[in-house]
Every structure is written in structure tokens, then in C-alpha cells.
């Protein structure tokens, strides 16, 4: 399994590491109840470096995302702001959940799950073409 850039830090902090769809990820750091309370009273972090980043560019990117997603990207007007949404199939069923970031009117970024990478990329690519969207996977 692959290791994220934070793998060593996770192990130094006592994480129980497991294979999550080809990535070594922390399952917990000891008591899950203690973790729950720490997140509720202080803060928590989630290592997203195993997730797939998809950059979308083009003059019709916002229009494309309004077609593709359940949540309305019209809410995104300030650079760096993000929105959680479901990505929908042609019948309105959920394919996956993701986060969409707005940078400029012709540049948005999606962060999709690593476990559904191929399925998500296939669906995005298939539907981006009519909108003239340039896709860069990172």
C-alpha cells in the first residue's frame, strides 16, 4: 500500500494504520472515545493527501458543475471557498460525495474519494466534453 506524506507522523503519534483502498491510513490513535472528545472540545484533522484532486478549467466550468452536482456552485463567489456536494448520475442518484473549490470563474477544483477514483473520473470526463472543460488530475 502507498503511504501519504503524513504516514510517519501518524505512526509517531501512535496511529493504528490500515490499508484503505491501497493507502495506509490511520484508523485511530488509541481510545476512540478520547479522540471523539478531543475533536468536540478542541479540533481534529483528517489526512486528505490520499484523495484525488481534479482541476477543471474552461469558460463553462460553473455551468458544468451546476449540471454535475446536487449542491449549487452559484454559492461560490470568493476565491478559495469550498462546497460539499453529491455528484449525481443521469437519474439524480448519488455517484459519490466530493468537495468543490472555487478559484476563478474558469477554474474550479474537485477533491474526490480515492476509493472511487476511476468511477468518478470516468463520469466527470464523459460529461465534461460537451462543456469544453479541460481536466487535470493531480
N, C-alpha and C. Protein backbone atom coordinates (compact mmCIF):
# COMPACT_ATOMS: atom_id res chain seq x y z
N UNK A 1 0.84 -1.20 0.00
CA UNK A 1 0.00 0.00 0.00
C UNK A 1 0.88 1.25 0.00
N UNK A 2 0.34 2.30 -0.61
CA UNK A 2 1.07 3.58 -0.66
C UNK A 2 0.98 4.29 0.69
N UNK A 3 1.93 5.18 0.91
CA UNK A 3 1.95 5.97 2.13
C UNK A 3 1.78 7.44 1.79
N UNK A 4 0.96 8.13 2.57
CA UNK A 4 0.79 9.57 2.38
C UNK A 4 2.02 10.28 2.95
N UNK A 5 2.20 11.56 2.63
CA UNK A 5 3.32 12.31 3.21
C UNK A 5 3.26 12.39 4.73
N UNK A 6 2.10 12.15 5.32
CA UNK A 6 1.95 12.23 6.78
C UNK A 6 2.06 10.87 7.47
N UNK A 7 2.38 9.82 6.72
CA UNK A 7 2.43 8.47 7.27
C UNK A 7 3.32 8.38 8.50
N UNK A 8 4.53 8.88 8.38
CA UNK A 8 5.48 8.79 9.50
C UNK A 8 4.95 9.53 10.73
N UNK A 9 4.35 10.70 10.52
CA UNK A 9 3.80 11.46 11.64
C UNK A 9 2.65 10.70 12.30
N UNK A 10 1.82 10.05 11.49
CA UNK A 10 0.73 9.24 12.05
C UNK A 10 1.29 8.15 12.96
N UNK A 11 2.32 7.44 12.48
CA UNK A 11 2.87 6.35 13.28
C UNK A 11 3.55 6.87 14.54
N UNK A 12 4.24 8.01 14.43
CA UNK A 12 4.87 8.61 15.61
C UNK A 12 3.84 9.01 16.66
N UNK A 13 2.64 9.33 16.22
CA UNK A 13 1.56 9.72 17.14
C UNK A 13 0.77 8.51 17.63
N UNK A 14 1.20 7.31 17.27
CA UNK A 14 0.58 6.10 17.77
C UNK A 14 -0.63 5.61 17.01
N UNK A 15 -0.76 5.99 15.76
CA UNK A 15 -1.93 5.58 14.97
C UNK A 15 -1.91 4.09 14.67
N UNK A 16 -3.08 3.49 14.67
CA UNK A 16 -3.23 2.14 14.14
C UNK A 16 -3.50 2.33 12.66
N UNK A 17 -2.55 1.89 11.83
CA UNK A 17 -2.63 2.10 10.39
C UNK A 17 -3.28 0.89 9.71
N UNK A 18 -4.13 1.17 8.72
CA UNK A 18 -4.80 0.11 7.95
C UNK A 18 -4.73 0.46 6.47
N UNK A 19 -4.86 -0.56 5.64
CA UNK A 19 -4.90 -0.37 4.19
C UNK A 19 -6.30 0.08 3.81
N UNK A 20 -6.41 1.29 3.30
CA UNK A 20 -7.68 1.85 2.85
C UNK A 20 -7.59 2.06 1.35
N UNK A 21 -8.07 1.09 0.59
CA UNK A 21 -8.07 1.16 -0.88
C UNK A 21 -6.69 1.51 -1.44
N UNK A 22 -5.67 0.81 -0.91
CA UNK A 22 -4.32 0.98 -1.44
C UNK A 22 -3.49 2.06 -0.77
N UNK A 23 -4.02 2.68 0.29
CA UNK A 23 -3.29 3.71 1.04
C UNK A 23 -3.26 3.33 2.51
N UNK A 24 -2.11 3.46 3.14
CA UNK A 24 -2.00 3.24 4.58
C UNK A 24 -2.54 4.49 5.29
N UNK A 25 -3.65 4.30 5.99
CA UNK A 25 -4.33 5.42 6.64
C UNK A 25 -4.56 5.11 8.11
N UNK A 26 -4.61 6.15 8.96
CA UNK A 26 -4.85 5.92 10.38
C UNK A 26 -6.31 5.56 10.65
N UNK A 27 -6.51 4.50 11.40
CA UNK A 27 -7.86 4.11 11.80
C UNK A 27 -8.24 4.82 13.09
N UNK A 28 -7.30 4.84 14.03
CA UNK A 28 -7.49 5.57 15.28
C UNK A 28 -6.15 5.72 15.98
N UNK A 29 -6.16 6.55 17.02
CA UNK A 29 -4.95 6.82 17.81
C UNK A 29 -5.19 6.41 19.26
N UNK A 30 -5.53 5.17 19.48
CA UNK A 30 -5.83 4.72 20.84
C UNK A 30 -7.33 4.73 21.06
N UNK A 31 -7.75 5.31 22.17
CA UNK A 31 -9.17 5.33 22.53
C UNK A 31 -9.97 6.20 21.56
N UNK A 32 -10.94 5.58 20.92
CA UNK A 32 -11.79 6.34 20.00
C UNK A 32 -12.71 7.30 20.76
N UNK A 33 -13.04 6.96 21.98
CA UNK A 33 -13.85 7.87 22.81
C UNK A 33 -13.04 9.11 23.15
N UNK A 34 -11.76 8.92 23.52
CA UNK A 34 -10.90 10.07 23.80
C UNK A 34 -10.74 10.94 22.55
N UNK A 35 -10.59 10.31 21.39
CA UNK A 35 -10.49 11.07 20.13
C UNK A 35 -11.76 11.88 19.90
N UNK A 36 -12.89 11.27 20.11
CA UNK A 36 -14.18 11.95 19.93
C UNK A 36 -14.24 13.20 20.80
N UNK A 37 -13.90 13.05 22.08
CA UNK A 37 -13.95 14.19 23.00
C UNK A 37 -12.93 15.27 22.61
N UNK A 38 -11.76 14.86 22.17
CA UNK A 38 -10.74 15.83 21.76
C UNK A 38 -11.23 16.66 20.57
N UNK A 39 -11.87 16.01 19.61
CA UNK A 39 -12.39 16.73 18.44
C UNK A 39 -13.53 17.66 18.85
N UNK A 40 -14.38 17.22 19.76
CA UNK A 40 -15.52 18.04 20.19
C UNK A 40 -15.08 19.24 21.02
N UNK A 41 -14.00 19.09 21.80
CA UNK A 41 -13.57 20.19 22.68
C UNK A 41 -12.45 21.03 22.09
N UNK A 42 -11.65 20.46 21.21
CA UNK A 42 -10.52 21.19 20.64
C UNK A 42 -10.63 21.21 19.11
N UNK A 43 -9.99 20.27 18.46
CA UNK A 43 -10.02 20.22 17.00
C UNK A 43 -9.61 18.83 16.54
N UNK A 44 -9.89 18.55 15.28
CA UNK A 44 -9.47 17.30 14.67
C UNK A 44 -8.93 17.58 13.29
N UNK A 45 -8.12 16.66 12.79
CA UNK A 45 -7.57 16.80 11.43
C UNK A 45 -7.79 15.49 10.70
N UNK A 46 -7.92 15.59 9.39
CA UNK A 46 -8.09 14.41 8.54
C UNK A 46 -7.08 14.50 7.41
N UNK A 47 -6.30 13.46 7.23
CA UNK A 47 -5.29 13.41 6.18
C UNK A 47 -6.00 13.15 4.85
N UNK A 48 -6.03 14.16 3.99
CA UNK A 48 -6.69 14.03 2.68
C UNK A 48 -5.69 13.84 1.55
N UNK A 49 -4.42 13.63 1.88
CA UNK A 49 -3.40 13.57 0.83
C UNK A 49 -3.52 12.32 -0.04
N UNK A 50 -4.35 11.36 0.34
CA UNK A 50 -4.58 10.18 -0.50
C UNK A 50 -5.72 10.40 -1.49
N UNK A 51 -6.43 11.49 -1.35
CA UNK A 51 -7.60 11.74 -2.19
C UNK A 51 -7.19 12.29 -3.56
N UNK A 52 -8.09 12.18 -4.51
CA UNK A 52 -7.82 12.60 -5.88
C UNK A 52 -8.22 14.05 -6.08
N UNK A 53 -7.32 14.84 -6.66
CA UNK A 53 -7.59 16.24 -6.96
C UNK A 53 -7.82 16.36 -8.46
N UNK A 54 -8.93 17.00 -8.82
CA UNK A 54 -9.30 17.17 -10.22
C UNK A 54 -9.50 18.66 -10.48
N UNK A 55 -8.61 19.25 -11.27
CA UNK A 55 -8.74 20.66 -11.64
C UNK A 55 -9.56 20.77 -12.91
N UNK A 56 -10.53 21.67 -12.89
CA UNK A 56 -11.41 21.90 -14.03
C UNK A 56 -11.25 23.33 -14.50
N UNK A 57 -10.98 23.50 -15.79
CA UNK A 57 -10.80 24.84 -16.36
C UNK A 57 -11.62 24.98 -17.63
N UNK A 58 -12.15 26.17 -17.81
CA UNK A 58 -12.91 26.49 -19.01
C UNK A 58 -13.97 27.52 -18.71
N UNK A 59 -14.40 28.22 -19.74
CA UNK A 59 -15.36 29.31 -19.57
C UNK A 59 -16.73 28.82 -19.10
N UNK A 60 -17.02 27.53 -19.28
CA UNK A 60 -18.33 26.98 -18.88
C UNK A 60 -18.22 26.04 -17.67
N UNK A 61 -17.16 26.20 -16.88
CA UNK A 61 -16.94 25.29 -15.76
C UNK A 61 -18.06 25.38 -14.73
N UNK A 62 -18.48 26.59 -14.38
CA UNK A 62 -19.57 26.73 -13.40
C UNK A 62 -20.85 26.06 -13.93
N UNK A 63 -21.16 26.28 -15.19
CA UNK A 63 -22.34 25.67 -15.81
C UNK A 63 -22.24 24.14 -15.76
N UNK A 64 -21.05 23.61 -16.05
CA UNK A 64 -20.82 22.17 -16.00
C UNK A 64 -21.07 21.63 -14.59
N UNK A 65 -20.55 22.32 -13.58
CA UNK A 65 -20.70 21.85 -12.20
C UNK A 65 -22.15 21.96 -11.73
N UNK A 66 -22.89 22.93 -12.23
CA UNK A 66 -24.31 23.03 -11.88
C UNK A 66 -25.08 21.85 -12.48
N UNK A 67 -24.59 21.31 -13.58
CA UNK A 67 -25.17 20.12 -14.20
C UNK A 67 -24.78 18.85 -13.43
N UNK A 68 -23.54 18.79 -12.98
CA UNK A 68 -22.94 17.58 -12.42
C UNK A 68 -23.30 17.33 -10.95
N UNK A 69 -23.46 18.40 -10.17
CA UNK A 69 -23.55 18.30 -8.72
C UNK A 69 -24.94 18.60 -8.18
N UNK A 70 -25.23 18.07 -6.99
CA UNK A 70 -26.51 18.32 -6.32
C UNK A 70 -26.55 19.72 -5.71
N UNK A 71 -25.46 20.14 -5.10
CA UNK A 71 -25.41 21.46 -4.47
C UNK A 71 -25.09 22.50 -5.53
N UNK A 72 -25.51 23.73 -5.31
CA UNK A 72 -25.38 24.77 -6.34
C UNK A 72 -24.09 25.57 -6.17
N UNK A 73 -23.19 25.45 -7.13
CA UNK A 73 -21.92 26.18 -7.08
C UNK A 73 -22.10 27.67 -7.29
N UNK A 74 -23.32 28.13 -7.55
CA UNK A 74 -23.58 29.57 -7.63
C UNK A 74 -23.29 30.22 -6.27
N UNK A 75 -23.31 29.42 -5.21
CA UNK A 75 -22.99 29.92 -3.86
C UNK A 75 -21.52 30.30 -3.73
N UNK A 76 -20.68 29.80 -4.61
CA UNK A 76 -19.24 30.05 -4.53
C UNK A 76 -18.88 31.28 -5.33
N UNK A 77 -18.47 32.34 -4.63
CA UNK A 77 -18.12 33.58 -5.31
C UNK A 77 -16.78 34.15 -4.86
N UNK A 78 -16.23 33.62 -3.77
CA UNK A 78 -14.96 34.11 -3.24
C UNK A 78 -13.88 33.05 -3.44
N UNK A 79 -12.75 33.44 -4.00
CA UNK A 79 -11.66 32.50 -4.28
C UNK A 79 -11.24 31.76 -3.01
N UNK A 80 -11.11 30.44 -3.14
CA UNK A 80 -10.69 29.60 -2.03
C UNK A 80 -11.84 29.00 -1.25
N UNK A 81 -13.05 29.45 -1.49
CA UNK A 81 -14.22 28.89 -0.79
C UNK A 81 -14.56 27.52 -1.36
N UNK A 82 -15.16 26.68 -0.52
CA UNK A 82 -15.47 25.32 -0.91
C UNK A 82 -16.91 24.97 -0.57
N UNK A 83 -17.37 23.90 -1.20
CA UNK A 83 -18.74 23.44 -1.03
C UNK A 83 -18.74 21.92 -1.07
N UNK A 84 -19.44 21.31 -0.14
CA UNK A 84 -19.61 19.85 -0.13
C UNK A 84 -20.83 19.51 -0.98
N UNK A 85 -20.73 18.47 -1.79
CA UNK A 85 -21.86 18.11 -2.65
C UNK A 85 -21.81 16.64 -3.03
N UNK A 86 -22.95 16.16 -3.47
CA UNK A 86 -23.02 14.87 -4.11
C UNK A 86 -22.87 15.06 -5.61
N UNK A 87 -22.20 14.11 -6.26
CA UNK A 87 -22.12 14.10 -7.72
C UNK A 87 -23.20 13.12 -8.19
N UNK A 88 -24.05 13.59 -9.11
CA UNK A 88 -25.25 12.83 -9.46
C UNK A 88 -25.14 12.12 -10.81
N UNK A 89 -25.85 11.00 -10.91
CA UNK A 89 -25.97 10.33 -12.20
C UNK A 89 -27.15 10.93 -12.97
N UNK A 90 -27.44 10.41 -14.14
CA UNK A 90 -28.48 10.98 -15.01
C UNK A 90 -29.87 10.90 -14.39
N UNK A 91 -30.07 9.98 -13.45
CA UNK A 91 -31.37 9.84 -12.79
C UNK A 91 -31.45 10.62 -11.49
N UNK A 92 -30.39 11.34 -11.15
CA UNK A 92 -30.36 12.10 -9.91
C UNK A 92 -29.87 11.30 -8.72
N UNK A 93 -29.40 10.07 -8.95
CA UNK A 93 -28.83 9.27 -7.88
C UNK A 93 -27.41 9.70 -7.58
N UNK A 94 -26.95 9.44 -6.37
CA UNK A 94 -25.62 9.87 -5.96
C UNK A 94 -24.56 8.88 -6.43
N UNK A 95 -23.58 9.40 -7.16
CA UNK A 95 -22.43 8.60 -7.58
C UNK A 95 -21.39 8.61 -6.47
N UNK A 96 -21.14 9.80 -5.92
CA UNK A 96 -20.13 9.96 -4.87
C UNK A 96 -20.32 11.33 -4.23
N UNK A 97 -19.70 11.51 -3.08
CA UNK A 97 -19.66 12.84 -2.48
C UNK A 97 -18.27 13.41 -2.72
N UNK A 98 -18.18 14.74 -2.74
CA UNK A 98 -16.91 15.40 -3.03
C UNK A 98 -16.93 16.81 -2.46
N UNK A 99 -15.80 17.47 -2.57
CA UNK A 99 -15.70 18.89 -2.22
C UNK A 99 -15.27 19.63 -3.47
N UNK A 100 -15.95 20.75 -3.75
CA UNK A 100 -15.60 21.58 -4.90
C UNK A 100 -15.10 22.93 -4.38
N UNK A 101 -13.95 23.36 -4.91
CA UNK A 101 -13.35 24.64 -4.54
C UNK A 101 -13.46 25.60 -5.72
N UNK A 102 -13.73 26.86 -5.41
CA UNK A 102 -13.79 27.91 -6.42
C UNK A 102 -12.51 28.74 -6.34
N UNK A 103 -11.87 28.96 -7.48
CA UNK A 103 -10.69 29.83 -7.53
C UNK A 103 -10.96 31.05 -8.40
N UNK A 104 -11.35 30.82 -9.64
CA UNK A 104 -11.75 31.90 -10.54
C UNK A 104 -12.94 31.39 -11.34
N UNK A 105 -13.55 32.26 -12.10
CA UNK A 105 -14.74 31.87 -12.85
C UNK A 105 -14.48 30.73 -13.82
N UNK A 106 -13.23 30.57 -14.26
CA UNK A 106 -12.93 29.47 -15.18
C UNK A 106 -12.00 28.42 -14.56
N UNK A 107 -11.91 28.38 -13.21
CA UNK A 107 -11.04 27.41 -12.55
C UNK A 107 -11.67 26.96 -11.23
N UNK A 108 -12.08 25.70 -11.21
CA UNK A 108 -12.61 25.06 -10.01
C UNK A 108 -11.78 23.80 -9.75
N UNK A 109 -11.82 23.32 -8.51
CA UNK A 109 -11.09 22.09 -8.14
C UNK A 109 -12.05 21.16 -7.40
N UNK A 110 -12.01 19.90 -7.78
CA UNK A 110 -12.77 18.87 -7.07
C UNK A 110 -11.80 18.01 -6.28
N UNK A 111 -12.21 17.60 -5.09
CA UNK A 111 -11.47 16.62 -4.30
C UNK A 111 -12.41 15.44 -4.13
N UNK A 112 -12.03 14.31 -4.76
CA UNK A 112 -12.89 13.13 -4.77
C UNK A 112 -12.22 11.98 -4.01
N UNK A 113 -13.02 11.02 -3.62
CA UNK A 113 -12.55 9.90 -2.82
C UNK A 113 -11.60 8.99 -3.62
N UNK A 114 -10.58 8.51 -2.94
CA UNK A 114 -9.62 7.63 -3.60
C UNK A 114 -10.24 6.27 -3.93
N UNK A 115 -11.17 5.82 -3.11
CA UNK A 115 -11.78 4.51 -3.32
C UNK A 115 -12.63 4.46 -4.59
N UNK A 116 -13.12 5.61 -5.03
CA UNK A 116 -13.99 5.67 -6.20
C UNK A 116 -13.36 6.48 -7.33
N UNK A 117 -12.06 6.59 -7.29
CA UNK A 117 -11.31 7.43 -8.24
C UNK A 117 -11.68 7.16 -9.70
N UNK A 118 -11.55 5.92 -10.14
CA UNK A 118 -11.75 5.60 -11.56
C UNK A 118 -13.19 5.85 -12.00
N UNK A 119 -14.14 5.43 -11.17
CA UNK A 119 -15.55 5.64 -11.49
C UNK A 119 -15.86 7.14 -11.57
N UNK A 120 -15.36 7.92 -10.61
CA UNK A 120 -15.60 9.36 -10.60
C UNK A 120 -14.97 10.05 -11.80
N UNK A 121 -13.71 9.72 -12.08
CA UNK A 121 -13.02 10.35 -13.21
C UNK A 121 -13.69 10.01 -14.53
N UNK A 122 -14.16 8.79 -14.66
CA UNK A 122 -14.85 8.39 -15.88
C UNK A 122 -16.12 9.22 -16.08
N UNK A 123 -16.90 9.38 -15.03
CA UNK A 123 -18.15 10.13 -15.12
C UNK A 123 -17.89 11.61 -15.40
N UNK A 124 -16.91 12.18 -14.70
CA UNK A 124 -16.57 13.60 -14.90
C UNK A 124 -16.11 13.82 -16.34
N UNK A 125 -15.20 12.98 -16.80
CA UNK A 125 -14.64 13.13 -18.15
C UNK A 125 -15.72 12.98 -19.22
N UNK A 126 -16.57 11.99 -19.05
CA UNK A 126 -17.65 11.73 -20.01
C UNK A 126 -18.56 12.95 -20.17
N UNK A 127 -18.84 13.64 -19.08
CA UNK A 127 -19.80 14.74 -19.12
C UNK A 127 -19.16 16.11 -19.30
N UNK A 128 -17.85 16.20 -19.16
CA UNK A 128 -17.16 17.50 -19.30
C UNK A 128 -16.98 17.91 -20.75
N UNK A 129 -16.85 16.93 -21.63
CA UNK A 129 -16.53 17.22 -23.03
C UNK A 129 -17.50 18.20 -23.70
N UNK A 130 -18.82 18.01 -23.58
CA UNK A 130 -19.73 18.95 -24.24
C UNK A 130 -19.62 20.39 -23.71
N UNK A 131 -19.07 20.55 -22.52
CA UNK A 131 -18.91 21.88 -21.93
C UNK A 131 -17.54 22.49 -22.24
N UNK A 132 -16.69 21.72 -22.92
CA UNK A 132 -15.36 22.21 -23.27
C UNK A 132 -14.44 22.38 -22.07
N UNK A 133 -14.56 21.49 -21.10
CA UNK A 133 -13.79 21.59 -19.86
C UNK A 133 -12.45 20.88 -20.01
N UNK A 134 -11.38 21.55 -19.59
CA UNK A 134 -10.04 20.95 -19.52
C UNK A 134 -9.88 20.34 -18.14
N UNK A 135 -9.53 19.06 -18.10
CA UNK A 135 -9.41 18.31 -16.85
C UNK A 135 -7.96 17.98 -16.59
N UNK A 136 -7.49 18.30 -15.39
CA UNK A 136 -6.15 17.92 -14.95
C UNK A 136 -6.29 17.15 -13.64
N UNK A 137 -5.82 15.90 -13.64
CA UNK A 137 -5.89 15.06 -12.44
C UNK A 137 -4.55 15.14 -11.74
N UNK A 138 -4.58 15.42 -10.43
CA UNK A 138 -3.34 15.52 -9.66
C UNK A 138 -3.38 14.54 -8.51
